[in-house]
N, C-alpha and C. Protein backbone atom coordinates (compact mmCIF):
# COMPACT_ATOMS: atom_id res chain seq x y z
N UNK A 1 12.53 -9.09 -5.88
CA UNK A 1 12.33 -7.87 -5.23
C UNK A 1 10.98 -7.52 -5.10
N UNK A 2 10.87 -6.54 -4.07
CA UNK A 2 9.37 -6.19 -3.67
C UNK A 2 9.54 -4.54 -4.43
N UNK A 3 8.22 -4.78 -5.11
CA UNK A 3 7.31 -3.15 -5.61
C UNK A 3 7.08 -2.61 -4.68
N UNK A 4 6.63 -2.65 -3.53
CA UNK A 4 6.39 -2.41 -2.91
C UNK A 4 7.00 -2.04 -1.64
N UNK A 5 7.22 -0.76 -1.24
CA UNK A 5 7.96 0.03 0.09
C UNK A 5 7.43 0.79 1.00
N UNK A 6 7.11 0.59 2.11
CA UNK A 6 6.50 0.97 3.32
C UNK A 6 7.76 1.39 4.38
N UNK A 7 7.37 2.78 4.79
CA UNK A 7 8.41 2.97 5.40
C UNK A 7 7.71 3.02 6.94
N UNK A 8 8.96 2.87 7.74
CA UNK A 8 8.63 2.32 9.35
C UNK A 8 7.59 3.25 10.00
N UNK A 9 7.64 4.39 9.44
CA UNK A 9 6.94 5.92 9.90
C UNK A 9 5.27 5.54 9.48
N UNK A 10 5.19 4.85 8.18
CA UNK A 10 3.95 4.43 7.63
C UNK A 10 3.29 3.19 8.32
N UNK A 11 4.05 2.46 8.31
CA UNK A 11 3.48 1.04 9.21
C UNK A 11 3.38 1.46 10.56
N UNK A 12 4.07 2.52 11.10
CA UNK A 12 3.38 3.06 12.76
C UNK A 12 2.06 4.04 12.58
N UNK A 13 1.73 4.76 11.45
CA UNK A 13 0.62 5.51 10.80
C UNK A 13 -0.19 4.36 11.21
N UNK A 14 -0.17 3.06 9.89
CA UNK A 14 -0.87 2.55 9.71
C UNK A 14 -1.82 2.04 11.26
N UNK A 15 -0.34 1.29 11.79
CA UNK A 15 -1.17 0.88 13.32
C UNK A 15 -1.58 1.66 13.91
N UNK A 16 -1.12 2.86 14.46
CA UNK A 16 -2.06 3.40 14.86
C UNK A 16 -3.46 3.95 14.41
N UNK A 17 -4.00 3.94 12.94
CA UNK A 17 -5.19 4.88 12.88
C UNK A 17 -6.14 4.09 12.48
N UNK A 18 -5.63 2.35 12.23
CA UNK A 18 -6.63 1.61 12.00
C UNK A 18 -6.26 0.28 13.15
N UNK A 19 -5.68 0.51 14.33
CA UNK A 19 -5.76 -0.12 15.47
C UNK A 19 -5.24 -1.55 15.01
N UNK A 20 -3.99 -1.79 14.50
CA UNK A 20 -3.12 -2.88 14.13
C UNK A 20 -2.95 -3.36 15.02
N UNK A 21 -2.21 -4.63 15.31
CA UNK A 21 -1.40 -5.31 16.00
C UNK A 21 -0.55 -6.25 14.90
N UNK A 22 0.47 -6.36 15.90
CA UNK A 22 1.68 -7.37 15.22
C UNK A 22 0.99 -8.72 14.56
N UNK A 23 1.34 -8.27 13.02
CA UNK A 23 1.04 -9.78 12.32
C UNK A 23 -0.36 -9.54 11.76
N UNK A 24 -1.44 -8.17 11.82
CA UNK A 24 -2.43 -8.24 10.88
C UNK A 24 -1.52 -7.62 9.55
N UNK A 25 -2.54 -7.80 8.45
CA UNK A 25 -2.46 -7.39 7.14
C UNK A 25 -3.05 -6.56 6.62
N UNK A 26 -2.23 -5.69 5.78
CA UNK A 26 -3.00 -4.65 4.78
C UNK A 26 -2.94 -4.99 3.61
N UNK A 27 -4.21 -4.62 2.87
CA UNK A 27 -4.20 -4.90 1.38
C UNK A 27 -4.37 -4.10 0.64
N UNK A 28 -3.08 -3.12 -0.37
CA UNK A 28 -3.69 -2.57 -1.42
C UNK A 28 -4.05 -2.99 -2.92
N UNK A 29 -4.92 -1.96 -3.10
CA UNK A 29 -5.87 -2.54 -4.54
C UNK A 29 -6.49 -1.60 -5.25
N UNK A 30 -6.59 -1.85 -6.24
CA UNK A 30 -6.70 -0.65 -7.44
C UNK A 30 -8.50 -0.32 -7.31
N UNK A 31 -8.99 1.22 -7.33
CA UNK A 31 -10.39 1.33 -6.74
C UNK A 31 -10.42 2.33 -8.17
N UNK A 32 -11.96 2.00 -8.58
CA UNK A 32 -12.41 3.40 -9.27
C UNK A 32 -12.27 4.44 -8.40
N UNK A 33 -11.93 5.91 -9.24
CA UNK A 33 -11.85 7.16 -8.52
C UNK A 33 -12.19 8.01 -9.50
N UNK A 34 -12.50 9.48 -9.13
CA UNK A 34 -12.46 10.64 -10.29
C UNK A 34 -10.87 11.09 -9.95
N UNK A 35 -10.39 10.98 -8.87
CA UNK A 35 -9.29 11.47 -8.70
C UNK A 35 -8.26 10.90 -9.49
N UNK A 36 -6.72 11.25 -9.49
CA UNK A 36 -5.64 10.95 -10.30
C UNK A 36 -4.60 10.41 -9.26
N UNK A 37 -4.75 9.08 -9.75
CA UNK A 37 -3.57 7.81 -9.05
C UNK A 37 -2.48 7.57 -10.17
N UNK A 38 -1.82 6.76 -9.89
CA UNK A 38 -1.12 6.34 -11.14
C UNK A 38 -1.70 5.82 -12.19
N UNK A 39 -3.25 5.44 -12.38
CA UNK A 39 -3.98 5.45 -13.89
C UNK A 39 -4.90 6.61 -13.72
N UNK A 40 -5.41 7.08 -14.72
CA UNK A 40 -6.82 7.89 -14.95
C UNK A 40 -7.74 6.93 -14.50
N UNK A 41 -8.58 7.58 -13.25
CA UNK A 41 -10.09 6.90 -13.38
C UNK A 41 -9.78 5.81 -12.24
N UNK A 42 -8.72 5.72 -11.75
CA UNK A 42 -8.22 4.49 -10.51
C UNK A 42 -7.22 5.59 -9.54
N UNK A 43 -7.54 5.03 -8.17
CA UNK A 43 -6.64 5.15 -7.16
C UNK A 43 -6.29 3.89 -6.42
N UNK A 44 -5.49 4.44 -5.08
CA UNK A 44 -4.59 2.84 -4.31
C UNK A 44 -6.01 3.43 -3.57
N UNK A 45 -6.59 1.81 -3.09
CA UNK A 45 -7.26 1.51 -2.03
C UNK A 45 -6.63 0.69 -1.16
N UNK A 46 -6.93 0.54 0.31
CA UNK A 46 -6.30 -0.49 1.43
C UNK A 46 -7.37 -0.86 1.88
N UNK A 47 -7.45 -2.41 2.47
CA UNK A 47 -8.18 -3.00 3.04
C UNK A 47 -7.39 -3.61 4.63
N UNK A 48 -8.02 -3.97 5.60
CA UNK A 48 -7.33 -5.00 6.39
C UNK A 48 -7.75 -6.10 6.07
N UNK A 49 -7.10 -7.36 5.52
CA UNK A 49 -7.43 -8.51 5.04
C UNK A 49 -6.13 -9.43 5.37
N UNK A 50 -6.23 -10.66 5.18
CA UNK A 50 -5.21 -11.45 5.05
C UNK A 50 -4.75 -11.60 3.57
N UNK A 51 -3.53 -12.09 2.95
CA UNK A 51 -3.68 -12.34 1.60
C UNK A 51 -4.13 -14.05 1.10
N UNK A 52 -4.37 -13.68 -0.02
CA UNK A 52 -4.88 -14.79 -0.42
C UNK A 52 -4.02 -15.15 -1.70
N UNK A 53 -4.20 -14.45 -2.80
CA UNK A 53 -3.37 -14.69 -3.76
C UNK A 53 -2.07 -13.50 -4.03
N UNK A 54 -1.33 -13.57 -3.15
CA UNK A 54 -0.75 -11.85 -2.95
C UNK A 54 0.62 -12.18 -4.27
N UNK A 55 0.30 -10.95 -5.47
CA UNK A 55 1.41 -11.09 -6.47
C UNK A 55 2.99 -10.25 -5.92
N UNK A 56 2.90 -9.43 -4.94
CA UNK A 56 3.79 -8.96 -4.24
C UNK A 56 3.48 -8.79 -2.40
N UNK A 57 4.48 -8.39 -1.95
CA UNK A 57 4.36 -8.53 -0.29
C UNK A 57 5.45 -7.97 0.15
N UNK A 58 5.89 -7.11 1.38
CA UNK A 58 6.40 -7.29 1.87
C UNK A 58 6.10 -6.77 3.91
N UNK A 59 7.02 -6.86 4.41
CA UNK A 59 6.39 -6.85 6.21
C UNK A 59 7.30 -5.49 7.06
N UNK A 60 6.39 -5.09 7.14
CA UNK A 60 7.41 -4.06 8.06
C UNK A 60 6.81 -3.42 9.33
N UNK A 61 7.63 -3.64 10.55
CA UNK A 61 7.28 -3.47 11.66
C UNK A 61 5.81 -4.24 12.32
N UNK A 62 5.99 -5.50 11.24
CA UNK A 62 5.46 -6.11 11.53
C UNK A 62 3.90 -6.38 11.35
N UNK A 63 3.79 -5.69 10.52
CA UNK A 63 2.63 -5.47 9.52
C UNK A 63 2.93 -6.04 8.23
N UNK A 64 1.98 -7.05 7.56
CA UNK A 64 2.45 -7.79 6.15
C UNK A 64 1.41 -6.48 5.40
N UNK A 65 2.40 -6.00 4.06
CA UNK A 65 1.71 -5.29 3.17
C UNK A 65 1.53 -6.02 1.83
N UNK A 66 0.53 -6.08 1.04
CA UNK A 66 0.46 -6.82 -0.17
C UNK A 66 -0.18 -6.47 -1.01
N UNK A 67 -0.37 -6.92 -2.29
CA UNK A 67 -1.09 -6.52 -3.39
C UNK A 67 -1.30 -8.12 -3.78
N UNK A 68 -2.79 -8.35 -4.11
CA UNK A 68 -3.04 -9.75 -4.53
C UNK A 68 -2.94 -9.44 -6.40
N UNK A 69 -2.68 -10.98 -6.75
CA UNK A 69 -2.60 -10.75 -7.85
C UNK A 69 -3.25 -10.34 -9.11
N UNK A 70 -5.18 -10.00 -8.84
CA UNK A 70 -5.91 -9.50 -9.85
C UNK A 70 -5.70 -7.96 -9.77
N UNK A 71 -4.85 -6.94 -8.91
CA UNK A 71 -5.14 -5.93 -8.53
C UNK A 71 -3.73 -5.75 -9.24
N UNK A 72 -2.54 -6.28 -9.14
CA UNK A 72 -1.05 -5.90 -9.17
C UNK A 72 -1.07 -5.15 -10.89
N UNK A 73 -1.95 -5.31 -11.98
CA UNK A 73 -1.75 -4.31 -12.90
C UNK A 73 -1.95 -3.30 -12.58
N UNK A 74 -2.09 -2.49 -11.78
CA UNK A 74 -2.36 -0.90 -11.50
C UNK A 74 -0.67 -0.54 -11.30
N UNK A 75 0.16 -1.29 -10.67
CA UNK A 75 1.57 -1.60 -10.14
C UNK A 75 2.56 -1.67 -11.78
N UNK A 76 2.31 -2.53 -12.59
CA UNK A 76 2.91 -2.88 -13.18
C UNK A 76 4.13 -1.74 -13.37
N UNK A 77 5.23 -2.42 -13.88
CA UNK A 77 6.33 -1.10 -14.18
C UNK A 77 6.62 0.05 -13.55
N UNK A 78 6.32 -0.41 -11.99
CA UNK A 78 6.40 0.88 -10.88
C UNK A 78 6.69 0.09 -9.69
N UNK A 79 7.04 0.89 -8.57
CA UNK A 79 7.35 0.75 -7.36
C UNK A 79 6.30 1.50 -6.59
N UNK A 80 5.84 1.41 -5.63
CA UNK A 80 5.18 1.81 -4.84
C UNK A 80 5.60 2.28 -3.43
N UNK A 81 5.89 3.37 -3.03
CA UNK A 81 6.70 3.98 -2.11
C UNK A 81 5.60 4.78 -1.08
N UNK A 82 5.28 4.14 0.22
CA UNK A 82 4.53 4.48 0.78
C UNK A 82 5.51 4.74 2.08
N UNK A 83 4.83 6.48 2.71
CA UNK A 83 5.17 6.96 3.93
C UNK A 83 4.48 8.03 4.34
N UNK A 84 4.84 8.75 5.36
CA UNK A 84 3.71 9.73 6.14
C UNK A 84 4.46 11.57 5.55
N UNK A 85 3.39 11.96 5.63
CA UNK A 85 3.46 13.42 4.74
C UNK A 85 3.42 13.90 6.42
N UNK A 86 4.33 15.11 6.56
CA UNK A 86 5.00 15.25 8.21
C UNK A 86 3.95 16.21 8.35
N UNK A 87 3.58 17.11 7.86
CA UNK A 87 2.81 18.75 7.89
C UNK A 87 1.40 17.91 8.18
N UNK A 88 0.66 17.06 7.67
CA UNK A 88 -0.63 16.46 7.71
C UNK A 88 -0.57 15.10 8.36
N UNK A 89 0.42 14.66 8.72
CA UNK A 89 0.22 13.35 9.13
C UNK A 89 -0.54 12.38 8.85
N UNK A 90 -0.55 12.85 7.05
CA UNK A 90 -1.32 11.73 6.52
C UNK A 90 -0.42 10.70 5.86
N UNK A 91 -1.08 9.76 5.02
CA UNK A 91 -0.27 8.74 4.23
C UNK A 91 0.16 9.18 2.80
N UNK A 92 1.06 9.18 2.10
CA UNK A 92 1.49 9.52 0.87
C UNK A 92 1.98 8.28 0.15
N UNK A 93 1.25 8.30 -0.89
CA UNK A 93 2.16 7.21 -1.98
C UNK A 93 2.30 8.18 -3.40
N UNK A 94 3.96 7.36 -3.42
CA UNK A 94 4.50 7.77 -4.68
C UNK A 94 5.03 6.98 -5.40
N UNK A 95 4.93 6.79 -6.34
CA UNK A 95 5.22 5.49 -7.75
C UNK A 95 6.64 6.15 -8.61
N UNK A 96 6.76 5.09 -8.52
CA UNK A 96 8.55 5.55 -9.51
C UNK A 96 8.41 4.23 -10.76
N UNK A 97 8.93 4.73 -11.95
CA UNK A 97 9.00 3.80 -12.91
C UNK A 97 10.39 2.88 -12.55
N UNK A 98 10.20 1.50 -12.52
CA UNK A 98 11.22 0.53 -12.83
C UNK A 98 12.11 0.29 -13.88
């Protein structure tokens, strides 16, 4: 069972904002940040690139969303839910414990 859940709206948002085509891939990764994410001092980043050693992945609207094995510590024990915030038409990341 995947721990990465991307809504159809979010997948469409990524396609439009990043000019993606069906078959492209988005990598989620942990990055240093002063903002608060799931872990203090880190937040979730994205990159358009192909998977090499995915720990988890899901395909939505023709786009592959994944997290590499070396970054998967960020999600351990949690599920990632990616959706669009209607008001600002921006992406929202929510985490729930497994």
